[in-house]
Protein backbone atom coordinates (compact mmCIF):
# COMPACT_ATOMS: atom_id res chain seq x y z
CA MET A 1 0.04 0.09 0.05
CA ASP A 2 1.10 3.13 -0.72
CA LYS A 3 2.12 5.42 1.97
CA TYR A 4 0.79 8.91 0.60
CA PRO A 5 -2.37 8.01 -1.61
CA ILE A 6 -2.75 11.08 -3.17
CA ARG A 7 0.42 11.80 -5.58
CA VAL A 8 0.80 15.64 -6.38
CA GLU A 9 3.19 16.26 -9.28
CA ALA A 10 5.59 19.24 -9.17
CA ARG A 11 3.91 20.69 -12.44
CA GLU A 12 0.37 20.54 -10.51
CA VAL A 13 1.88 22.64 -7.47
CA ALA A 14 3.85 25.01 -9.66
CA LEU A 15 0.42 25.70 -11.81
CA THR A 16 -1.52 26.16 -8.61
CA SER A 17 1.10 28.59 -7.26
CA THR A 18 1.37 30.63 -10.29
CA LEU A 19 -2.25 30.73 -10.99
CA THR A 20 -2.84 31.79 -7.80
CA ALA A 21 -0.40 34.55 -7.68
CA ALA A 22 -1.89 35.81 -10.90
CA ALA A 23 -5.50 35.62 -9.20
CA VAL A 24 -4.28 37.60 -6.07
CA ALA A 25 -2.12 39.95 -8.30
CA LEU A 26 -4.88 40.77 -10.74
CA ARG A 27 -7.54 41.25 -7.90
CA TYR A 28 -5.16 43.28 -5.86
CA ALA A 29 -4.54 45.51 -9.04
CA LYS A 30 -8.41 45.63 -9.84
CA THR A 31 -9.26 46.70 -5.98
CA ALA A 32 -6.74 49.46 -6.20
CA LEU A 33 -8.18 50.81 -9.18
CA THR A 34 -11.97 50.71 -8.39
CA ALA A 35 -14.36 48.68 -5.51
CA VAL A 36 -16.65 48.03 -8.44
CA GLN A 37 -16.78 44.21 -9.21
CA PHE A 38 -18.02 43.25 -12.75
CA ILE A 39 -15.55 40.15 -13.07
CA ASN A 40 -15.04 38.04 -10.27
CA ILE A 41 -11.19 37.37 -10.78
CA PRO A 42 -10.45 34.34 -8.52
CA LEU A 43 -13.06 32.35 -9.74
CA ALA A 44 -12.40 32.92 -13.67
CA VAL A 45 -8.88 31.94 -12.72
CA ALA A 46 -9.80 29.12 -10.58
CA TYR A 47 -12.11 27.79 -13.39
CA THR A 48 -9.42 27.93 -16.02
CA ALA A 49 -7.18 26.11 -13.43
CA ALA A 50 -9.93 23.27 -13.01
CA GLU A 51 -9.66 22.68 -16.72
CA LEU A 52 -5.89 23.26 -16.85
CA ALA A 53 -5.10 20.61 -14.22
CA SER A 54 -8.06 19.20 -11.91
CA PRO A 55 -11.34 20.05 -10.01
CA LEU A 56 -9.06 20.01 -7.09
CA THR A 57 -6.53 22.29 -8.29
CA GLY A 58 -9.12 24.84 -9.27
CA ALA A 59 -10.92 24.87 -6.01
CA ALA A 60 -7.31 25.30 -4.42
CA VAL A 61 -6.61 28.25 -6.72
CA ALA A 62 -10.19 29.88 -5.66
CA ALA A 63 -9.55 29.02 -2.01
CA MET A 64 -6.02 30.36 -1.76
CA SER A 65 -6.65 33.19 -4.01
CA TYR A 66 -9.27 34.36 -1.66
CA LEU A 67 -7.41 33.80 1.37
CA VAL A 68 -4.45 35.61 0.26
CA SER A 69 -5.70 38.47 -1.24
CA ASP A 70 -8.26 39.34 1.35
CA LEU A 71 -5.30 39.25 3.66
CA LEU A 72 -3.68 42.34 1.41
CA ILE A 73 -6.93 43.85 0.97
CA MET A 74 -9.49 43.54 3.90
CA PRO A 75 -9.75 40.47 5.85
CA GLY A 76 -12.72 39.76 7.77
CA PRO A 77 -15.32 37.06 8.50
CA TRP A 78 -16.08 36.84 5.01
CA THR A 79 -12.56 35.49 3.90
CA PRO A 80 -13.02 32.16 5.24
CA VAL A 81 -16.60 31.84 3.73
CA ASP A 82 -15.24 33.61 0.26
CA ALA A 83 -12.50 30.68 0.35
CA ALA A 84 -14.69 27.64 1.11
CA LEU A 85 -17.48 28.85 -1.44
CA GLY A 86 -14.86 29.79 -4.20
CA GLY A 87 -13.27 26.68 -3.94
CA ALA A 88 -16.71 24.70 -4.10
CA ALA A 89 -17.72 26.73 -6.94
CA ALA A 90 -14.60 25.92 -8.71
CA LEU A 91 -14.85 22.13 -8.00
CA ALA A 92 -18.35 21.92 -9.13
CA PHE A 93 -17.04 23.98 -12.27
CA GLY A 94 -14.46 21.48 -12.91
CA LEU A 95 -16.33 18.37 -12.49
CA ALA A 96 -19.01 19.50 -14.83
CA ALA A 97 -16.96 21.00 -17.33
CA ARG A 98 -15.32 17.33 -17.74
CA ARG A 99 -18.51 16.00 -18.94
CA LEU A 100 -19.48 19.34 -21.15
CA GLY A 101 -18.44 20.52 -24.61
CA GLY A 102 -17.72 24.16 -25.21
CA GLY A 103 -18.94 27.72 -25.81
CA VAL A 104 -22.49 27.92 -24.22
CA GLU A 105 -22.20 24.70 -22.44
CA LEU A 106 -18.99 26.09 -20.42
CA PHE A 107 -20.72 29.42 -20.22
CA VAL A 108 -23.59 27.76 -18.16
CA ALA A 109 -21.57 25.90 -16.07
CA ALA A 110 -19.55 29.04 -15.11
CA TYR A 111 -22.37 31.07 -14.65
CA LEU A 112 -24.22 28.65 -12.15
CA ALA A 113 -21.35 28.04 -10.38
CA THR A 114 -20.76 31.71 -10.02
CA LEU A 115 -24.24 32.20 -8.86
CA PHE A 116 -23.99 29.96 -6.40
CA TYR A 117 -21.13 31.58 -5.17
CA ASP A 118 -22.16 34.58 -5.26
CA VAL A 119 -25.86 33.94 -3.28
CA SER A 120 -24.60 31.68 -0.83
CA SER A 121 -21.74 33.66 0.03
CA SER A 122 -24.18 37.17 0.39
CA ALA A 123 -26.61 35.06 2.44
CA LEU A 124 -24.07 33.66 4.80
CA LEU A 125 -22.81 36.77 5.75
CA TYR A 126 -25.94 38.20 6.11
CA MET A 127 -26.54 35.33 8.69
CA PHE A 128 -23.32 36.67 10.49
CA PHE A 129 -24.85 39.86 10.93
CA GLY A 130 -27.92 38.54 12.26
CA LEU A 131 -30.60 37.74 9.79
CA SER A 132 -32.56 34.19 9.65
CA PRO A 133 -31.81 31.82 7.37
CA LEU A 134 -34.29 32.35 4.76
CA ASP A 135 -34.25 36.45 5.18
CA ALA A 136 -30.55 36.11 4.48
CA LEU A 137 -31.29 34.27 0.94
CA ALA A 138 -33.95 36.61 0.36
CA VAL A 139 -31.57 39.51 0.81
CA GLY A 140 -28.75 37.46 -1.31
CA VAL A 141 -31.06 37.04 -4.10
CA ALA A 142 -32.08 40.74 -3.99
CA GLY A 143 -28.98 42.04 -3.61
CA LEU A 144 -28.13 40.55 -7.21
CA PHE A 145 -30.61 43.00 -8.69
CA LEU A 146 -30.96 45.94 -6.27
CA PRO A 147 -28.60 47.87 -3.83
CA VAL A 148 -29.30 46.09 -0.24
CA MET A 149 -27.42 46.44 3.18
CA GLY A 150 -24.94 49.03 1.82
CA GLY A 151 -24.82 48.45 -1.84
CA GLY A 152 -25.09 50.99 -4.55
CA LEU A 153 -25.24 49.41 -8.02
CA VAL A 154 -28.31 47.87 -9.71
CA GLY A 155 -28.30 44.57 -11.82
CA VAL A 156 -24.57 44.40 -10.73
CA GLY A 157 -24.89 40.51 -9.98
CA PRO A 158 -26.08 39.29 -13.13
CA ILE A 159 -23.46 41.27 -14.94
CA THR A 160 -20.69 39.98 -12.74
CA GLU A 161 -21.91 36.35 -13.27
CA ALA A 162 -22.03 36.61 -16.94
CA ALA A 163 -18.81 38.43 -17.26
CA THR A 164 -17.05 36.01 -15.19
CA ALA A 165 -18.21 33.08 -16.84
CA ALA A 166 -17.78 34.35 -20.59
CA LEU A 167 -14.01 35.24 -19.29
CA ALA A 168 -13.63 31.84 -17.85
CA ALA A 169 -15.21 29.89 -20.89
CA GLY A 170 -13.27 31.79 -23.27
CA LEU A 171 -10.06 30.94 -21.39
CA VAL A 172 -11.15 27.48 -20.97
CA GLU A 173 -12.28 27.29 -24.88
CA ALA A 174 -8.85 28.63 -26.02
CA LEU A 175 -6.90 26.20 -23.72
CA ARG A 176 -8.86 23.33 -25.35
CA ARG A 177 -8.34 24.60 -28.86
CA ARG A 178 -4.57 24.93 -28.29
CA GLY A 179 -4.39 21.51 -26.35
CA VAL A 180 -2.85 22.68 -23.24
CA VAL A 181 -4.73 20.46 -20.84
CA TYR A 182 -2.55 19.05 -18.13
CA GLU A 183 -3.50 15.19 -17.87
CA GLY A 184 -3.24 15.08 -14.23
CA VAL A 185 -5.27 14.03 -11.33
CA ARG A 186 -8.87 13.74 -12.29
């Protein structure tokens, strides 16, 4: 019996590190320029990592990207929530993407994974601030379309989901066309 049942190759570690660093740097730069988010950079990069290496790699990139970038930007109770939910969204996208064709199917998978992340992270944080689970879910969904609990933009949720999904699906399609998919842990 193998002493270490999970094997991790050096190139997968390097890919995870590189994509995490890219996501952190891009999120930090975006935040330095504007507080408005129209693309969820950690998720788009994590979805790409899930296709390049494995769904677990995508989950690791998402979780570490949120943890490290939040430490640089502004950590809070949302940091572990965003890391865990981002990892779950990337894992779900990676598992779905393995069974999907390209184009619209990848876009829909990325859109739904990002929507899951957005609504669940909002709802969990609203619960942290004292709302009941049902009220938190309602406010989380409403917050996609309307400014709630201190928000200032109308319709930013669907725009963010669509932009993130389009970027991720485009990157994954480009990688597939070029044959740049690592056949590591699946």
